[in-house]
PDB file of all heavy atoms in Angstrom:
ATOM      1  N   ARG A   1     -80.833  92.724 -16.722  1.00  0.00           N
ATOM      2  CA  ARG A   1     -81.580  92.926 -17.989  1.00  0.00           C
ATOM      3  C   ARG A   1     -81.360  91.705 -18.858  1.00  0.00           C
ATOM      4  O   ARG A   1     -80.346  91.055 -18.970  1.00  0.00           O
ATOM      5  CB  ARG A   1     -81.034  94.171 -18.662  1.00  0.00           C
ATOM      6  CG  ARG A   1     -81.345  95.446 -17.932  1.00  0.00           C
ATOM      7  CD  ARG A   1     -80.802  96.638 -18.561  1.00  0.00           C
ATOM      8  NE  ARG A   1     -79.259  96.533 -18.451  1.00  0.00           N
ATOM      9  CZ  ARG A   1     -78.438  97.477 -18.998  1.00  0.00           C
ATOM     10  NH1 ARG A   1     -78.919  98.495 -19.648  1.00  0.00           N
ATOM     11  NH2 ARG A   1     -77.164  97.305 -18.848  1.00  0.00           N
ATOM     12  N   ALA A   2     -82.367  91.374 -19.618  1.00  0.00           N
ATOM     13  CA  ALA A   2     -82.361  90.246 -20.425  1.00  0.00           C
ATOM     14  C   ALA A   2     -81.502  90.571 -21.695  1.00  0.00           C
ATOM     15  O   ALA A   2     -81.558  91.680 -22.303  1.00  0.00           O
ATOM     16  CB  ALA A   2     -83.786  89.855 -20.965  1.00  0.00           C
ATOM     17  N   PRO A   3     -80.580  89.589 -22.066  1.00  0.00           N
ATOM     18  CA  PRO A   3     -79.753  89.889 -23.214  1.00  0.00           C
ATOM     19  C   PRO A   3     -80.563  90.121 -24.469  1.00  0.00           C
ATOM     20  O   PRO A   3     -81.555  89.443 -24.668  1.00  0.00           O
ATOM     21  CB  PRO A   3     -78.913  88.653 -23.329  1.00  0.00           C
ATOM     22  CG  PRO A   3     -78.879  88.094 -21.967  1.00  0.00           C
ATOM     23  CD  PRO A   3     -80.221  88.401 -21.418  1.00  0.00           C
ATOM     24  N   VAL A   4     -80.112  90.988 -25.316  1.00  0.00           N
ATOM     25  CA  VAL A   4     -80.797  91.241 -26.652  1.00  0.00           C
ATOM     26  C   VAL A   4     -79.791  91.050 -27.796  1.00  0.00           C
ATOM     27  O   VAL A   4     -78.578  91.185 -27.519  1.00  0.00           O
ATOM     28  CB  VAL A   4     -81.444  92.581 -26.684  1.00  0.00           C
ATOM     29  CG1 VAL A   4     -82.550  92.736 -25.658  1.00  0.00           C
ATOM     30  CG2 VAL A   4     -80.406  93.728 -26.461  1.00  0.00           C
ATOM     31  N   LYS A   5     -80.167  90.901 -28.923  1.00  0.00           N
ATOM     32  CA  LYS A   5     -79.321  90.775 -30.083  1.00  0.00           C
ATOM     33  C   LYS A   5     -78.543  91.988 -30.316  1.00  0.00           C
ATOM     34  O   LYS A   5     -79.079  93.155 -30.211  1.00  0.00           O
ATOM     35  CB  LYS A   5     -80.204  90.449 -31.313  1.00  0.00           C
ATOM     36  CG  LYS A   5     -79.316  90.143 -32.574  1.00  0.00           C
ATOM     37  CD  LYS A   5     -80.165  89.787 -33.703  1.00  0.00           C
ATOM     38  CE  LYS A   5     -79.354  89.443 -34.959  1.00  0.00           C
ATOM     39  NZ  LYS A   5     -80.166  89.084 -36.136  1.00  0.00           N
ATOM     40  N   ALA A   6     -77.290  91.887 -30.538  1.00  0.00           N
ATOM     41  CA  ALA A   6     -76.358  92.999 -30.815  1.00  0.00           C
ATOM     42  C   ALA A   6     -76.915  93.826 -32.024  1.00  0.00           C
ATOM     43  O   ALA A   6     -77.031  93.271 -33.109  1.00  0.00           O
ATOM     44  CB  ALA A   6     -74.960  92.553 -31.064  1.00  0.00           C
ATOM     45  N   PRO A   7     -77.210  95.103 -31.776  1.00  0.00           N
ATOM     46  CA  PRO A   7     -77.790  95.912 -32.916  1.00  0.00           C
ATOM     47  C   PRO A   7     -76.732  96.222 -33.976  1.00  0.00           C
ATOM     48  O   PRO A   7     -77.092  96.383 -35.167  1.00  0.00           O
ATOM     49  CB  PRO A   7     -78.269  97.202 -32.242  1.00  0.00           C
ATOM     50  CG  PRO A   7     -77.372  97.242 -30.953  1.00  0.00           C
ATOM     51  CD  PRO A   7     -77.093  95.902 -30.541  1.00  0.00           C
ATOM     52  N   THR A   8     -75.514  96.483 -33.601  1.00  0.00           N
ATOM     53  CA  THR A   8     -74.536  96.738 -34.574  1.00  0.00           C
ATOM     54  C   THR A   8     -73.189  96.024 -34.266  1.00  0.00           C
ATOM     55  O   THR A   8     -73.000  95.623 -33.081  1.00  0.00           O
ATOM     56  CB  THR A   8     -74.195  98.334 -34.593  1.00  0.00           C
ATOM     57  OG1 THR A   8     -73.862  98.684 -33.187  1.00  0.00           O
ATOM     58  CG2 THR A   8     -75.437  99.072 -34.979  1.00  0.00           C
ATOM     59  N   PRO A   9     -72.338  95.838 -35.182  1.00  0.00           N
ATOM     60  CA  PRO A   9     -70.973  95.205 -34.910  1.00  0.00           C
ATOM     61  C   PRO A   9     -70.113  96.024 -33.927  1.00  0.00           C
ATOM     62  O   PRO A   9     -70.327  97.281 -33.930  1.00  0.00           O
ATOM     63  CB  PRO A   9     -70.353  95.123 -36.253  1.00  0.00           C
ATOM     64  CG  PRO A   9     -71.451  95.264 -37.293  1.00  0.00           C
ATOM     65  CD  PRO A   9     -72.495  96.163 -36.577  1.00  0.00           C
ATOM     66  N   ALA A  10     -69.329  95.341 -33.188  1.00  0.00           N
ATOM     67  CA  ALA A  10     -68.445  96.101 -32.233  1.00  0.00           C
ATOM     68  C   ALA A  10     -66.951  95.658 -32.437  1.00  0.00           C
ATOM     69  O   ALA A  10     -66.702  94.512 -32.832  1.00  0.00           O
ATOM     70  CB  ALA A  10     -68.773  95.757 -30.822  1.00  0.00           C
ATOM     71  N   ARG A  11     -66.090  96.664 -32.466  1.00  0.00           N
ATOM     72  CA  ARG A  11     -64.714  96.297 -32.619  1.00  0.00           C
ATOM     73  C   ARG A  11     -64.006  96.529 -31.272  1.00  0.00           C
ATOM     74  O   ARG A  11     -64.415  97.302 -30.495  1.00  0.00           O
ATOM     75  CB  ARG A  11     -63.982  97.224 -33.628  1.00  0.00           C
ATOM     76  CG  ARG A  11     -63.924  98.699 -33.239  1.00  0.00           C
ATOM     77  CD  ARG A  11     -63.341  99.527 -34.375  1.00  0.00           C
ATOM     78  NE  ARG A  11     -63.218 100.992 -33.940  1.00  0.00           N
ATOM     79  CZ  ARG A  11     -61.976 101.443 -33.521  1.00  0.00           C
ATOM     80  NH1 ARG A  11     -60.909 100.691 -33.493  1.00  0.00           N
ATOM     81  NH2 ARG A  11     -61.855 102.761 -33.183  1.00  0.00           N
ATOM     82  N   GLN A  12     -62.934  95.773 -31.065  1.00  0.00           N
ATOM     83  CA  GLN A  12     -62.095  95.881 -29.810  1.00  0.00           C
ATOM     84  C   GLN A  12     -60.869  96.671 -30.067  1.00  0.00           C
ATOM     85  O   GLN A  12     -60.223  96.405 -31.103  1.00  0.00           O
ATOM     86  CB  GLN A  12     -61.792  94.488 -29.286  1.00  0.00           C
ATOM     87  CG  GLN A  12     -61.016  94.492 -27.958  1.00  0.00           C
ATOM     88  CD  GLN A  12     -60.797  93.101 -27.396  1.00  0.00           C
ATOM     89  OE1 GLN A  12     -61.667  92.293 -27.354  1.00  0.00           O
ATOM     90  NE2 GLN A  12     -59.548  92.851 -27.022  1.00  0.00           N
ATOM     91  N   ARG A  13     -60.526  97.518 -29.189  1.00  0.00           N
ATOM     92  CA  ARG A  13     -59.298  98.255 -29.233  1.00  0.00           C
ATOM     93  C   ARG A  13     -58.835  98.731 -27.858  1.00  0.00           C
ATOM     94  O   ARG A  13     -59.481  98.426 -26.895  1.00  0.00           O
ATOM     95  CB  ARG A  13     -59.597  99.618 -30.048  1.00  0.00           C
ATOM     96  CG  ARG A  13     -60.522 100.530 -29.420  1.00  0.00           C
ATOM     97  CD  ARG A  13     -60.576 101.918 -30.125  1.00  0.00           C
ATOM     98  NE  ARG A  13     -61.616 102.825 -29.584  1.00  0.00           N
ATOM     99  CZ  ARG A  13     -61.533 103.537 -28.493  1.00  0.00           C
ATOM    100  NH1 ARG A  13     -60.415 103.414 -27.690  1.00  0.00           N
ATOM    101  NH2 ARG A  13     -62.523 104.287 -28.096  1.00  0.00           N
ATOM    102  N   GLU A  14     -57.628  99.155 -27.773  1.00  0.00           N
ATOM    103  CA  GLU A  14     -57.056  99.626 -26.498  1.00  0.00           C
ATOM    104  C   GLU A  14     -57.684 100.888 -25.991  1.00  0.00           C
ATOM    105  O   GLU A  14     -58.192 101.725 -26.826  1.00  0.00           O
ATOM    106  CB  GLU A  14     -55.543  99.840 -26.568  1.00  0.00           C
ATOM    107  CG  GLU A  14     -54.709  98.499 -26.752  1.00  0.00           C
ATOM    108  CD  GLU A  14     -53.220  98.779 -26.598  1.00  0.00           C
ATOM    109  OE1 GLU A  14     -52.814  99.960 -26.257  1.00  0.00           O
ATOM    110  OE2 GLU A  14     -52.406  97.812 -26.791  1.00  0.00           O
ATOM    111  N   VAL A  15     -57.807 100.973 -24.694  1.00  0.00           N
ATOM    112  CA  VAL A  15     -58.407 102.148 -24.127  1.00  0.00           C
ATOM    113  C   VAL A  15     -57.476 103.396 -24.286  1.00  0.00           C
ATOM    114  O   VAL A  15     -56.217 103.273 -24.282  1.00  0.00           O
ATOM    115  CB  VAL A  15     -58.579 101.906 -22.567  1.00  0.00           C
ATOM    116  CG1 VAL A  15     -59.049 103.290 -21.831  1.00  0.00           C
ATOM    117  CG2 VAL A  15     -59.560 100.903 -22.285  1.00  0.00           C
ATOM    118  N   GLN A  16     -58.096 104.504 -24.529  1.00  0.00           N
ATOM    119  CA  GLN A  16     -57.431 105.822 -24.622  1.00  0.00           C
ATOM    120  C   GLN A  16     -57.843 106.676 -23.558  1.00  0.00           C
ATOM    121  O   GLN A  16     -58.999 106.561 -22.960  1.00  0.00           O
ATOM    122  CB  GLN A  16     -57.718 106.434 -25.983  1.00  0.00           C
ATOM    123  CG  GLN A  16     -57.251 105.646 -27.223  1.00  0.00           C
ATOM    124  CD  GLN A  16     -57.841 106.159 -28.532  1.00  0.00           C
ATOM    125  OE1 GLN A  16     -58.438 107.301 -28.529  1.00  0.00           O
ATOM    126  NE2 GLN A  16     -57.531 105.517 -29.594  1.00  0.00           N
ATOM    127  N   PHE A  17     -57.078 107.662 -23.156  1.00  0.00           N
ATOM    128  CA  PHE A  17     -57.554 108.545 -22.058  1.00  0.00           C
ATOM    129  C   PHE A  17     -58.819 109.239 -22.385  1.00  0.00           C
ATOM    130  O   PHE A  17     -59.580 109.552 -21.454  1.00  0.00           O
ATOM    131  CB  PHE A  17     -56.410 109.494 -21.690  1.00  0.00           C
ATOM    132  CG  PHE A  17     -56.646 110.285 -20.402  1.00  0.00           C
ATOM    133  CD1 PHE A  17     -56.250 109.634 -19.162  1.00  0.00           C
ATOM    134  CD2 PHE A  17     -57.219 111.551 -20.371  1.00  0.00           C
ATOM    135  CE1 PHE A  17     -56.580 110.341 -17.979  1.00  0.00           C
ATOM    136  CE2 PHE A  17     -57.485 112.179 -19.148  1.00  0.00           C
ATOM    137  CZ  PHE A  17     -57.096 111.558 -17.997  1.00  0.00           C
ATOM    138  N   SER A  18     -59.034 109.589 -23.582  1.00  0.00           N
ATOM    139  CA  SER A  18     -60.258 110.349 -23.999  1.00  0.00           C
ATOM    140  C   SER A  18     -61.404 109.483 -23.883  1.00  0.00           C
ATOM    141  O   SER A  18     -62.612 109.953 -24.117  1.00  0.00           O
ATOM    142  CB  SER A  18     -60.034 110.799 -25.493  1.00  0.00           C
ATOM    143  OG  SER A  18     -59.849 109.718 -26.326  1.00  0.00           O
ATOM    144  N   ASP A  19     -61.336 108.175 -23.582  1.00  0.00           N
ATOM    145  CA  ASP A  19     -62.501 107.237 -23.389  1.00  0.00           C
ATOM    146  C   ASP A  19     -63.265 107.425 -22.100  1.00  0.00           C
ATOM    147  O   ASP A  19     -64.190 106.767 -21.797  1.00  0.00           O
ATOM    148  CB  ASP A  19     -62.057 105.871 -23.578  1.00  0.00           C
ATOM    149  CG  ASP A  19     -61.707 105.400 -24.938  1.00  0.00           C
ATOM    150  OD1 ASP A  19     -62.358 105.996 -25.905  1.00  0.00           O
ATOM    151  OD2 ASP A  19     -60.737 104.600 -25.138  1.00  0.00           O
ATOM    152  N   PHE A  20     -62.770 108.372 -21.183  1.00  0.00           N
ATOM    153  CA  PHE A  20     -63.431 108.433 -19.879  1.00  0.00           C
ATOM    154  C   PHE A  20     -64.866 108.523 -19.794  1.00  0.00           C
ATOM    155  O   PHE A  20     -65.593 107.667 -19.144  1.00  0.00           O
ATOM    156  CB  PHE A  20     -62.784 109.606 -19.051  1.00  0.00           C
ATOM    157  CG  PHE A  20     -63.539 109.852 -17.769  1.00  0.00           C
ATOM    158  CD1 PHE A  20     -63.169 109.017 -16.718  1.00  0.00           C
ATOM    159  CD2 PHE A  20     -64.499 110.861 -17.631  1.00  0.00           C
ATOM    160  CE1 PHE A  20     -63.945 109.229 -15.468  1.00  0.00           C
ATOM    161  CE2 PHE A  20     -65.165 111.014 -16.458  1.00  0.00           C
ATOM    162  CZ  PHE A  20     -64.900 110.220 -15.370  1.00  0.00           C
ATOM    163  N   GLU A  21     -65.466 109.451 -20.618  1.00  0.00           N
ATOM    164  CA  GLU A  21     -66.956 109.608 -20.594  1.00  0.00           C
ATOM    165  C   GLU A  21     -67.661 108.309 -20.950  1.00  0.00           C
ATOM    166  O   GLU A  21     -68.639 107.929 -20.440  1.00  0.00           O
ATOM    167  CB  GLU A  21     -67.357 110.796 -21.381  1.00  0.00           C
ATOM    168  CG  GLU A  21     -66.859 112.146 -20.892  1.00  0.00           C
ATOM    169  CD  GLU A  21     -67.453 112.531 -19.611  1.00  0.00           C
ATOM    170  OE1 GLU A  21     -68.481 111.981 -19.192  1.00  0.00           O
ATOM    171  OE2 GLU A  21     -66.885 113.452 -18.902  1.00  0.00           O
ATOM    172  N   GLY A  22     -67.178 107.771 -22.109  1.00  0.00           N
ATOM    173  CA  GLY A  22     -67.896 106.518 -22.588  1.00  0.00           C
ATOM    174  C   GLY A  22     -67.760 105.364 -21.573  1.00  0.00           C
ATOM    175  O   GLY A  22     -68.693 104.614 -21.419  1.00  0.00           O
ATOM    176  N   VAL A  23     -66.566 105.182 -21.011  1.00  0.00           N
ATOM    177  CA  VAL A  23     -66.451 104.126 -19.984  1.00  0.00           C
ATOM    178  C   VAL A  23     -67.230 104.440 -18.746  1.00  0.00           C
ATOM    179  O   VAL A  23     -67.917 103.535 -18.214  1.00  0.00           O
ATOM    180  CB  VAL A  23     -64.968 103.929 -19.610  1.00  0.00           C
ATOM    181  CG1 VAL A  23     -64.794 102.965 -18.449  1.00  0.00           C
ATOM    182  CG2 VAL A  23     -64.179 103.419 -20.818  1.00  0.00           C
ATOM    183  N   ALA A  24     -67.281 105.697 -18.291  1.00  0.00           N
ATOM    184  CA  ALA A  24     -68.023 106.041 -17.123  1.00  0.00           C
ATOM    185  C   ALA A  24     -69.520 105.791 -17.345  1.00  0.00           C
ATOM    186  O   ALA A  24     -70.227 105.359 -16.476  1.00  0.00           O
ATOM    187  CB  ALA A  24     -67.814 107.517 -16.804  1.00  0.00           C
ATOM    188  N   GLY A  25     -70.028 106.098 -18.522  1.00  0.00           N
ATOM    189  CA  GLY A  25     -71.437 105.871 -18.823  1.00  0.00           C
ATOM    190  C   GLY A  25     -71.767 104.363 -18.824  1.00  0.00           C
ATOM    191  O   GLY A  25     -72.783 103.977 -18.331  1.00  0.00           O
ATOM    192  N   LEU A  26     -70.900 103.596 -19.442  1.00  0.00           N
ATOM    193  CA  LEU A  26     -71.104 102.127 -19.451  1.00  0.00           C
ATOM    194  C   LEU A  26     -71.100 101.583 -18.054  1.00  0.00           C
ATOM    195  O   LEU A  26     -72.012 100.841 -17.642  1.00  0.00           O
ATOM    196  CB  LEU A  26     -69.975 101.475 -20.216  1.00  0.00           C
ATOM    197  CG  LEU A  26     -69.919  99.946 -20.127  1.00  0.00           C
ATOM    198  CD1 LEU A  26     -71.126  99.338 -20.842  1.00  0.00           C
ATOM    199  CD2 LEU A  26     -68.602  99.406 -20.805  1.00  0.00           C
ATOM    200  N   LYS A  27     -70.137 101.983 -17.141  1.00  0.00           N
ATOM    201  CA  LYS A  27     -70.103 101.512 -15.800  1.00  0.00           C
ATOM    202  C   LYS A  27     -71.307 101.919 -14.970  1.00  0.00           C
ATOM    203  O   LYS A  27     -71.847 101.138 -14.213  1.00  0.00           O
ATOM    204  CB  LYS A  27     -68.803 102.016 -15.075  1.00  0.00           C
ATOM    205  CG  LYS A  27     -67.544 101.364 -15.700  1.00  0.00           C
ATOM    206  CD  LYS A  27     -66.315 101.974 -15.098  1.00  0.00           C
ATOM    207  CE  LYS A  27     -66.035 101.616 -13.700  1.00  0.00           C
ATOM    208  NZ  LYS A  27     -64.716 102.154 -13.259  1.00  0.00           N
ATOM    209  N   GLU A  28     -71.794 103.018 -15.343  1.00  0.00           N
ATOM    210  CA  GLU A  28     -73.044 103.520 -14.535  1.00  0.00           C
ATOM    211  C   GLU A  28     -74.209 102.710 -15.021  1.00  0.00           C
ATOM    212  O   GLU A  28     -75.093 102.274 -14.125  1.00  0.00           O
ATOM    213  CB  GLU A  28     -73.232 104.966 -14.820  1.00  0.00           C
ATOM    214  CG  GLU A  28     -74.385 105.567 -13.996  1.00  0.00           C
ATOM    215  CD  GLU A  28     -74.499 107.099 -14.118  1.00  0.00           C
ATOM    216  OE1 GLU A  28     -73.782 107.676 -14.930  1.00  0.00           O
ATOM    217  OE2 GLU A  28     -75.427 107.662 -13.458  1.00  0.00           O
ATOM    218  N   ARG A  29     -74.310 102.383 -16.327  1.00  0.00           N
ATOM    219  CA  ARG A  29     -75.439 101.576 -16.825  1.00  0.00           C
ATOM    220  C   ARG A  29     -75.384 100.146 -16.187  1.00  0.00           C
ATOM    221  O   ARG A  29     -76.412  99.580 -15.901  1.00  0.00           O
ATOM    222  CB  ARG A  29     -75.368 101.372 -18.347  1.00  0.00           C
ATOM    223  CG  ARG A  29     -75.602 102.574 -19.095  1.00  0.00           C
ATOM    224  CD  ARG A  29     -75.920 102.318 -20.588  1.00  0.00           C
ATOM    225  NE  ARG A  29     -74.878 101.646 -21.280  1.00  0.00           N
ATOM    226  CZ  ARG A  29     -73.871 102.113 -21.933  1.00  0.00           C
ATOM    227  NH1 ARG A  29     -73.668 103.476 -21.884  1.00  0.00           N
ATOM    228  NH2 ARG A  29     -73.015 101.410 -22.578  1.00  0.00           N
ATOM    229  N   GLU A  30     -74.145  99.628 -15.911  1.00  0.00           N
ATOM    230  CA  GLU A  30     -74.052  98.257 -15.322  1.00  0.00           C
ATOM    231  C   GLU A  30     -73.971  98.225 -13.841  1.00  0.00           C
ATOM    232  O   GLU A  30     -73.683  97.194 -13.253  1.00  0.00           O
ATOM    233  CB  GLU A  30     -72.874  97.643 -16.015  1.00  0.00           C
ATOM    234  CG  GLU A  30     -72.853  97.536 -17.549  1.00  0.00           C
ATOM    235  CD  GLU A  30     -74.069  96.796 -18.006  1.00  0.00           C
ATOM    236  OE1 GLU A  30     -74.356  95.697 -17.403  1.00  0.00           O
ATOM    237  OE2 GLU A  30     -74.748  97.308 -18.890  1.00  0.00           O
ATOM    238  N   GLY A  31     -74.189  99.399 -13.140  1.00  0.00           N
ATOM    239  CA  GLY A  31     -74.214  99.335 -11.753  1.00  0.00           C
ATOM    240  C   GLY A  31     -72.972  99.355 -11.000  1.00  0.00           C
ATOM    241  O   GLY A  31     -72.880  99.017  -9.838  1.00  0.00           O
TER     242      GLY A  31
END
């Protein structure tokens, strides 16, 4: 996919166990 301008700011933090759904969704989007 063609890169697009970031719509909102993003912060970086350590992974928590509760992040499973969010990480799984991202990985699925990225193949």
